[in-house]
Amino acid sequence: MKLLPGLLISSFMCAATILAQMSAEETTAVLQAERDGCTAYLNGEAEKIANFLTEDYTLTNSKGEISGRADDIADATSGKVHYDVFENYDMKVRLYGDSAAVVTGRTKLKGVHNGKTIDKIVQFTDTLVKQNGHWRLAAGHVSAVAQ
């Protein structure tokens, strides 16, 4: 009988270790998806952007305007947006089960949009979902950061 509590504690510790390891792996995968998304935007790779975004993706920008997946793909395809820098940093991930994550951080943007120079830092909140084994961006919100 004295063996049972020890077995239960050992079982819980093993389960906690496995869950922590899975959580660390998922966190790494979410961060990699964010980095890959930044690279796709930086290089204007419309197909990779399309694969990164869910079909119903929306972005709310710092002016309160809402854009969608088709807008981002069109921007990349048309060439009216060109980035010299598109980099996320200070990212923090919160996982919700094994299929949803919220990422907060900052993005450094430098380039040209519709003939106007862009050079700013924004604070972002991204919601990612896991679809068919891949982390995809479902929604984003950005706020300008004073420089």
N, C-alpha and C. Protein backbone atom coordinates (compact mmCIF):
# COMPACT_ATOMS: atom_id res chain seq x y z
N MET A 1 0.80 -1.19 0.00
CA MET A 1 0.00 0.00 0.00
C MET A 1 0.85 1.26 0.00
N LYS A 2 2.00 1.23 0.69
CA LYS A 2 2.87 2.41 0.73
C LYS A 2 3.46 2.71 -0.64
N LEU A 3 3.48 1.74 -1.52
CA LEU A 3 4.04 1.90 -2.85
C LEU A 3 3.13 2.72 -3.77
N LEU A 4 1.82 2.65 -3.56
CA LEU A 4 0.85 3.32 -4.42
C LEU A 4 1.04 4.84 -4.47
N PRO A 5 1.17 5.55 -3.35
CA PRO A 5 1.37 7.01 -3.44
C PRO A 5 2.64 7.36 -4.22
N GLY A 6 3.69 6.60 -4.02
CA GLY A 6 4.94 6.85 -4.75
C GLY A 6 4.77 6.65 -6.24
N LEU A 7 4.01 5.62 -6.64
CA LEU A 7 3.75 5.39 -8.06
C LEU A 7 2.92 6.51 -8.67
N LEU A 8 1.92 6.96 -7.91
CA LEU A 8 1.09 8.06 -8.40
C LEU A 8 1.91 9.33 -8.59
N ILE A 9 2.76 9.65 -7.63
CA ILE A 9 3.60 10.85 -7.73
C ILE A 9 4.55 10.72 -8.92
N SER A 10 5.14 9.55 -9.08
CA SER A 10 6.05 9.33 -10.21
C SER A 10 5.31 9.46 -11.54
N SER A 11 4.11 8.94 -11.60
CA SER A 11 3.32 9.04 -12.83
C SER A 11 3.00 10.48 -13.16
N PHE A 12 2.59 11.27 -12.16
CA PHE A 12 2.31 12.68 -12.38
C PHE A 12 3.55 13.45 -12.82
N MET A 13 4.68 13.12 -12.22
CA MET A 13 5.93 13.81 -12.58
C MET A 13 6.32 13.48 -14.02
N CYS A 14 6.16 12.23 -14.43
CA CYS A 14 6.46 11.85 -15.81
C CYS A 14 5.53 12.56 -16.78
N ALA A 15 4.26 12.60 -16.44
CA ALA A 15 3.28 13.28 -17.30
C ALA A 15 3.60 14.76 -17.41
N ALA A 16 3.95 15.38 -16.30
CA ALA A 16 4.29 16.80 -16.31
C ALA A 16 5.53 17.06 -17.15
N THR A 17 6.50 16.19 -17.07
CA THR A 17 7.73 16.33 -17.87
C THR A 17 7.42 16.21 -19.35
N ILE A 18 6.60 15.25 -19.71
CA ILE A 18 6.22 15.05 -21.12
C ILE A 18 5.44 16.26 -21.63
N LEU A 19 4.48 16.76 -20.84
CA LEU A 19 3.70 17.93 -21.25
C LEU A 19 4.59 19.16 -21.39
N ALA A 20 5.54 19.34 -20.49
CA ALA A 20 6.44 20.48 -20.58
C ALA A 20 7.31 20.39 -21.83
N GLN A 21 7.75 19.18 -22.14
CA GLN A 21 8.56 18.98 -23.34
C GLN A 21 7.74 19.26 -24.60
N MET A 22 6.50 18.76 -24.62
CA MET A 22 5.62 19.02 -25.76
C MET A 22 5.34 20.52 -25.88
N SER A 23 5.13 21.19 -24.75
CA SER A 23 4.87 22.62 -24.74
C SER A 23 6.07 23.38 -25.30
N ALA A 24 7.27 22.99 -24.91
CA ALA A 24 8.48 23.64 -25.41
C ALA A 24 8.61 23.43 -26.92
N GLU A 25 8.30 22.23 -27.39
CA GLU A 25 8.37 21.95 -28.83
C GLU A 25 7.34 22.77 -29.60
N GLU A 26 6.14 22.89 -29.07
CA GLU A 26 5.10 23.68 -29.73
C GLU A 26 5.47 25.16 -29.72
N THR A 27 6.01 25.65 -28.62
CA THR A 27 6.45 27.04 -28.54
C THR A 27 7.50 27.32 -29.61
N THR A 28 8.45 26.42 -29.74
CA THR A 28 9.49 26.56 -30.77
C THR A 28 8.86 26.57 -32.16
N ALA A 29 7.90 25.71 -32.40
CA ALA A 29 7.23 25.63 -33.71
C ALA A 29 6.44 26.92 -34.00
N VAL A 30 5.78 27.47 -33.00
CA VAL A 30 5.03 28.72 -33.18
C VAL A 30 6.00 29.86 -33.51
N LEU A 31 7.09 29.96 -32.77
CA LEU A 31 8.07 31.01 -33.04
C LEU A 31 8.68 30.86 -34.43
N GLN A 32 8.91 29.62 -34.86
CA GLN A 32 9.45 29.39 -36.19
C GLN A 32 8.44 29.81 -37.26
N ALA A 33 7.18 29.53 -37.03
CA ALA A 33 6.14 29.95 -37.97
C ALA A 33 6.13 31.47 -38.09
N GLU A 34 6.24 32.18 -36.96
CA GLU A 34 6.29 33.64 -36.98
C GLU A 34 7.50 34.13 -37.78
N ARG A 35 8.67 33.52 -37.54
CA ARG A 35 9.88 33.93 -38.26
C ARG A 35 9.74 33.65 -39.76
N ASP A 36 9.19 32.48 -40.10
CA ASP A 36 8.98 32.14 -41.51
C ASP A 36 8.01 33.11 -42.17
N GLY A 37 6.98 33.50 -41.43
CA GLY A 37 6.02 34.48 -41.95
C GLY A 37 6.70 35.82 -42.23
N CYS A 38 7.54 36.27 -41.31
CA CYS A 38 8.28 37.52 -41.51
C CYS A 38 9.15 37.44 -42.76
N THR A 39 9.82 36.31 -42.94
CA THR A 39 10.68 36.13 -44.12
C THR A 39 9.86 36.18 -45.40
N ALA A 40 8.67 35.57 -45.39
CA ALA A 40 7.80 35.59 -46.56
C ALA A 40 7.39 37.02 -46.91
N TYR A 41 7.03 37.82 -45.90
CA TYR A 41 6.67 39.22 -46.14
C TYR A 41 7.89 40.01 -46.60
N LEU A 42 9.02 39.80 -45.98
CA LEU A 42 10.25 40.49 -46.34
C LEU A 42 10.60 40.26 -47.81
N ASN A 43 10.45 39.02 -48.26
CA ASN A 43 10.81 38.67 -49.63
C ASN A 43 9.66 38.80 -50.63
N GLY A 44 8.49 39.22 -50.16
CA GLY A 44 7.33 39.37 -51.05
C GLY A 44 6.89 38.07 -51.68
N GLU A 45 6.96 36.98 -50.91
CA GLU A 45 6.62 35.64 -51.42
C GLU A 45 5.14 35.35 -51.18
N ALA A 46 4.34 35.69 -52.17
CA ALA A 46 2.88 35.60 -52.04
C ALA A 46 2.41 34.19 -51.69
N GLU A 47 3.00 33.18 -52.29
CA GLU A 47 2.57 31.80 -52.02
C GLU A 47 2.85 31.40 -50.57
N LYS A 48 4.01 31.81 -50.07
CA LYS A 48 4.34 31.49 -48.67
C LYS A 48 3.46 32.28 -47.71
N ILE A 49 3.15 33.51 -48.07
CA ILE A 49 2.23 34.31 -47.26
C ILE A 49 0.87 33.63 -47.22
N ALA A 50 0.40 33.18 -48.38
CA ALA A 50 -0.90 32.49 -48.46
C ALA A 50 -0.91 31.24 -47.59
N ASN A 51 0.19 30.51 -47.57
CA ASN A 51 0.26 29.29 -46.75
C ASN A 51 0.34 29.61 -45.26
N PHE A 52 0.89 30.77 -44.91
CA PHE A 52 1.03 31.17 -43.51
C PHE A 52 -0.30 31.65 -42.93
N LEU A 53 -1.16 32.23 -43.76
CA LEU A 53 -2.41 32.81 -43.28
C LEU A 53 -3.58 31.84 -43.44
N THR A 54 -4.48 31.84 -42.45
CA THR A 54 -5.71 31.06 -42.59
C THR A 54 -6.58 31.73 -43.64
N GLU A 55 -7.55 30.99 -44.15
CA GLU A 55 -8.45 31.52 -45.18
C GLU A 55 -9.21 32.76 -44.69
N ASP A 56 -9.54 32.80 -43.39
CA ASP A 56 -10.33 33.90 -42.84
C ASP A 56 -9.49 34.90 -42.03
N TYR A 57 -8.19 34.92 -42.26
CA TYR A 57 -7.27 35.82 -41.56
C TYR A 57 -7.71 37.27 -41.66
N THR A 58 -7.55 38.00 -40.54
CA THR A 58 -7.78 39.44 -40.52
C THR A 58 -6.66 40.11 -39.74
N LEU A 59 -6.34 41.33 -40.16
CA LEU A 59 -5.39 42.17 -39.45
C LEU A 59 -6.08 43.49 -39.14
N THR A 60 -5.99 43.92 -37.90
CA THR A 60 -6.46 45.25 -37.52
C THR A 60 -5.21 46.10 -37.30
N ASN A 61 -5.06 47.15 -38.12
CA ASN A 61 -3.85 47.96 -38.01
C ASN A 61 -4.01 49.05 -36.96
N SER A 62 -2.96 49.85 -36.79
CA SER A 62 -2.97 50.86 -35.73
C SER A 62 -3.95 52.00 -35.99
N LYS A 63 -4.51 52.07 -37.21
CA LYS A 63 -5.53 53.07 -37.52
C LYS A 63 -6.94 52.50 -37.36
N GLY A 64 -7.02 51.22 -36.97
CA GLY A 64 -8.32 50.58 -36.81
C GLY A 64 -8.86 50.00 -38.10
N GLU A 65 -8.08 50.02 -39.17
CA GLU A 65 -8.50 49.46 -40.45
C GLU A 65 -8.29 47.96 -40.45
N ILE A 66 -9.21 47.26 -41.09
CA ILE A 66 -9.13 45.80 -41.14
C ILE A 66 -8.83 45.36 -42.56
N SER A 67 -7.85 44.49 -42.68
CA SER A 67 -7.50 43.90 -43.98
C SER A 67 -7.51 42.39 -43.82
N GLY A 68 -7.47 41.70 -44.95
CA GLY A 68 -7.54 40.25 -44.92
C GLY A 68 -6.45 39.59 -45.73
N ARG A 69 -6.57 38.30 -45.82
CA ARG A 69 -5.60 37.46 -46.52
C ARG A 69 -5.41 37.92 -47.97
N ALA A 70 -6.50 38.16 -48.68
CA ALA A 70 -6.42 38.57 -50.08
C ALA A 70 -5.64 39.88 -50.23
N ASP A 71 -5.79 40.78 -49.27
CA ASP A 71 -5.07 42.06 -49.31
C ASP A 71 -3.56 41.84 -49.20
N ASP A 72 -3.15 40.99 -48.26
CA ASP A 72 -1.71 40.73 -48.06
C ASP A 72 -1.11 40.03 -49.28
N ILE A 73 -1.85 39.09 -49.83
CA ILE A 73 -1.37 38.38 -51.02
C ILE A 73 -1.27 39.34 -52.21
N ALA A 74 -2.27 40.21 -52.37
CA ALA A 74 -2.26 41.19 -53.46
C ALA A 74 -1.09 42.17 -53.32
N ASP A 75 -0.82 42.61 -52.09
CA ASP A 75 0.31 43.51 -51.85
C ASP A 75 1.62 42.86 -52.27
N ALA A 76 1.80 41.59 -51.92
CA ALA A 76 3.03 40.88 -52.27
C ALA A 76 3.12 40.66 -53.78
N THR A 77 2.00 40.33 -54.40
CA THR A 77 1.97 40.04 -55.84
C THR A 77 2.19 41.30 -56.67
N SER A 78 1.58 42.41 -56.26
CA SER A 78 1.64 43.65 -57.03
C SER A 78 2.99 44.34 -56.95
N GLY A 79 3.71 44.10 -55.87
CA GLY A 79 4.99 44.77 -55.68
C GLY A 79 4.85 46.18 -55.13
N LYS A 80 3.61 46.59 -54.77
CA LYS A 80 3.44 47.94 -54.23
C LYS A 80 3.95 48.07 -52.80
N VAL A 81 4.30 46.92 -52.22
CA VAL A 81 4.93 46.91 -50.90
C VAL A 81 6.28 46.21 -51.04
N HIS A 82 7.30 46.88 -50.53
CA HIS A 82 8.64 46.28 -50.53
C HIS A 82 9.26 46.54 -49.16
N TYR A 83 9.73 45.48 -48.53
CA TYR A 83 10.36 45.61 -47.22
C TYR A 83 11.86 45.39 -47.33
N ASP A 84 12.61 46.24 -46.63
CA ASP A 84 14.04 46.02 -46.43
C ASP A 84 14.26 45.34 -45.08
N VAL A 85 13.35 45.59 -44.16
CA VAL A 85 13.38 44.96 -42.83
C VAL A 85 11.95 44.58 -42.47
N PHE A 86 11.75 43.35 -42.04
CA PHE A 86 10.47 42.89 -41.50
C PHE A 86 10.85 41.84 -40.46
N GLU A 87 10.99 42.28 -39.22
CA GLU A 87 11.55 41.40 -38.19
C GLU A 87 10.76 41.49 -36.89
N ASN A 88 10.32 40.35 -36.41
CA ASN A 88 9.68 40.26 -35.09
C ASN A 88 10.74 40.03 -34.03
N TYR A 89 10.53 40.62 -32.86
CA TYR A 89 11.44 40.39 -31.73
C TYR A 89 10.67 40.55 -30.42
N ASP A 90 11.32 40.22 -29.32
CA ASP A 90 10.68 40.25 -27.99
C ASP A 90 9.38 39.44 -27.97
N MET A 91 9.37 38.33 -28.68
CA MET A 91 8.15 37.53 -28.77
C MET A 91 7.94 36.68 -27.53
N LYS A 92 6.70 36.62 -27.13
CA LYS A 92 6.26 35.75 -26.03
C LYS A 92 5.08 34.93 -26.53
N VAL A 93 5.11 33.64 -26.22
CA VAL A 93 4.08 32.72 -26.70
C VAL A 93 3.25 32.21 -25.54
N ARG A 94 1.94 32.21 -25.73
CA ARG A 94 1.02 31.55 -24.78
C ARG A 94 0.28 30.49 -25.58
N LEU A 95 0.42 29.25 -25.15
CA LEU A 95 -0.25 28.13 -25.82
C LEU A 95 -1.58 27.84 -25.15
N TYR A 96 -2.56 27.46 -25.96
CA TYR A 96 -3.87 27.06 -25.48
C TYR A 96 -4.16 25.69 -26.09
N GLY A 97 -3.87 24.67 -25.31
CA GLY A 97 -3.99 23.31 -25.82
C GLY A 97 -2.90 23.08 -26.85
N ASP A 98 -3.18 22.24 -27.82
CA ASP A 98 -2.17 21.95 -28.84
C ASP A 98 -2.54 22.53 -30.20
N SER A 99 -3.54 23.44 -30.22
CA SER A 99 -3.95 23.96 -31.53
C SER A 99 -4.22 25.46 -31.57
N ALA A 100 -3.89 26.18 -30.51
CA ALA A 100 -4.07 27.64 -30.52
C ALA A 100 -2.94 28.29 -29.72
N ALA A 101 -2.51 29.45 -30.21
CA ALA A 101 -1.45 30.19 -29.54
C ALA A 101 -1.64 31.68 -29.76
N VAL A 102 -1.25 32.45 -28.75
CA VAL A 102 -1.22 33.91 -28.86
C VAL A 102 0.24 34.32 -28.71
N VAL A 103 0.69 35.14 -29.65
CA VAL A 103 2.07 35.63 -29.62
C VAL A 103 2.03 37.15 -29.54
N THR A 104 2.78 37.71 -28.61
CA THR A 104 2.94 39.15 -28.52
C THR A 104 4.39 39.49 -28.75
N GLY A 105 4.62 40.69 -29.24
CA GLY A 105 5.99 41.13 -29.48
C GLY A 105 6.00 42.44 -30.25
N ARG A 106 7.15 42.71 -30.84
CA ARG A 106 7.32 43.92 -31.64
C ARG A 106 7.83 43.54 -33.03
N THR A 107 7.48 44.38 -33.99
CA THR A 107 7.94 44.18 -35.37
C THR A 107 8.62 45.45 -35.83
N LYS A 108 9.83 45.30 -36.36
CA LYS A 108 10.56 46.41 -36.99
C LYS A 108 10.27 46.33 -38.48
N LEU A 109 9.72 47.41 -39.03
CA LEU A 109 9.38 47.50 -40.45
C LEU A 109 10.15 48.63 -41.10
N LYS A 110 10.75 48.34 -42.24
CA LYS A 110 11.44 49.35 -43.03
C LYS A 110 11.23 49.00 -44.48
N GLY A 111 10.80 49.98 -45.29
CA GLY A 111 10.58 49.71 -46.70
C GLY A 111 9.74 50.78 -47.34
N VAL A 112 8.95 50.37 -48.35
CA VAL A 112 8.11 51.29 -49.10
C VAL A 112 6.74 50.67 -49.28
N HIS A 113 5.69 51.45 -49.03
CA HIS A 113 4.31 51.02 -49.23
C HIS A 113 3.60 52.10 -50.03
N ASN A 114 3.13 51.74 -51.23
CA ASN A 114 2.45 52.70 -52.11
C ASN A 114 3.27 53.97 -52.32
N GLY A 115 4.57 53.82 -52.50
CA GLY A 115 5.45 54.95 -52.75
C GLY A 115 5.87 55.74 -51.53
N LYS A 116 5.35 55.36 -50.36
CA LYS A 116 5.70 56.07 -49.13
C LYS A 116 6.67 55.23 -48.30
N THR A 117 7.66 55.90 -47.75
CA THR A 117 8.66 55.22 -46.93
C THR A 117 8.06 54.76 -45.61
N ILE A 118 8.39 53.55 -45.24
CA ILE A 118 7.97 52.98 -43.94
C ILE A 118 9.24 52.80 -43.12
N ASP A 119 9.22 53.27 -41.89
CA ASP A 119 10.31 53.03 -40.95
C ASP A 119 9.71 53.16 -39.56
N LYS A 120 9.23 52.03 -39.03
CA LYS A 120 8.54 52.09 -37.75
C LYS A 120 8.64 50.77 -37.01
N ILE A 121 8.27 50.86 -35.75
CA ILE A 121 8.17 49.69 -34.89
C ILE A 121 6.72 49.61 -34.43
N VAL A 122 6.15 48.42 -34.49
CA VAL A 122 4.79 48.21 -34.00
C VAL A 122 4.79 47.12 -32.95
N GLN A 123 3.87 47.25 -32.03
CA GLN A 123 3.59 46.20 -31.05
C GLN A 123 2.52 45.32 -31.68
N PHE A 124 2.67 44.00 -31.60
CA PHE A 124 1.67 43.14 -32.22
C PHE A 124 1.14 42.08 -31.26
N THR A 125 -0.05 41.64 -31.56
CA THR A 125 -0.66 40.47 -30.93
C THR A 125 -1.16 39.61 -32.07
N ASP A 126 -0.64 38.40 -32.18
CA ASP A 126 -1.04 37.45 -33.22
C ASP A 126 -1.72 36.24 -32.59
N THR A 127 -2.75 35.77 -33.25
CA THR A 127 -3.41 34.53 -32.85
C THR A 127 -3.15 33.51 -33.94
N LEU A 128 -2.51 32.41 -33.56
CA LEU A 128 -2.20 31.34 -34.51
C LEU A 128 -2.99 30.10 -34.15
N VAL A 129 -3.34 29.34 -35.16
CA VAL A 129 -4.03 28.07 -34.97
C VAL A 129 -3.26 26.99 -35.73
N LYS A 130 -3.34 25.80 -35.23
CA LYS A 130 -2.66 24.68 -35.89
C LYS A 130 -3.66 24.00 -36.81
N GLN A 131 -3.33 24.00 -38.11
CA GLN A 131 -4.18 23.37 -39.12
C GLN A 131 -3.33 22.41 -39.93
N ASN A 132 -3.77 21.18 -40.02
CA ASN A 132 -3.05 20.16 -40.78
C ASN A 132 -1.57 20.09 -40.39
N GLY A 133 -1.30 20.23 -39.09
CA GLY A 133 0.06 20.11 -38.58
C GLY A 133 0.92 21.35 -38.72
N HIS A 134 0.35 22.46 -39.21
CA HIS A 134 1.12 23.69 -39.42
C HIS A 134 0.48 24.85 -38.64
N TRP A 135 1.33 25.66 -38.02
CA TRP A 135 0.84 26.85 -37.34
C TRP A 135 0.59 27.94 -38.37
N ARG A 136 -0.63 28.49 -38.34
CA ARG A 136 -1.03 29.51 -39.31
C ARG A 136 -1.61 30.71 -38.57
N LEU A 137 -1.42 31.87 -39.14
CA LEU A 137 -1.89 33.12 -38.53
C LEU A 137 -3.36 33.33 -38.86
N ALA A 138 -4.19 33.43 -37.81
CA ALA A 138 -5.63 33.62 -37.99
C ALA A 138 -6.04 35.08 -37.82
N ALA A 139 -5.36 35.78 -36.92
CA ALA A 139 -5.70 37.18 -36.67
C ALA A 139 -4.49 37.90 -36.10
N GLY A 140 -4.41 39.16 -36.44
CA GLY A 140 -3.34 40.00 -35.90
C GLY A 140 -3.86 41.38 -35.58
N HIS A 141 -3.18 42.03 -34.66
CA HIS A 141 -3.49 43.40 -34.31
C HIS A 141 -2.17 44.10 -34.05
N VAL A 142 -2.00 45.30 -34.62
CA VAL A 142 -0.77 46.05 -34.40
C VAL A 142 -1.10 47.45 -33.89
N SER A 143 -0.22 47.95 -33.05
CA SER A 143 -0.31 49.31 -32.53
C SER A 143 1.05 49.98 -32.72
N ALA A 144 1.03 51.21 -33.16
CA ALA A 144 2.28 51.96 -33.34
C ALA A 144 2.98 52.16 -32.01
N VAL A 145 4.28 52.13 -32.05
CA VAL A 145 5.10 52.37 -30.86
C VAL A 145 5.84 53.69 -31.09
N ALA A 146 5.77 54.59 -30.11
CA ALA A 146 6.48 55.86 -30.25
C ALA A 146 7.97 55.60 -30.32
N GLN A 147 8.62 56.30 -31.24
CA GLN A 147 10.08 56.11 -31.41
C GLN A 147 10.83 57.34 -30.99
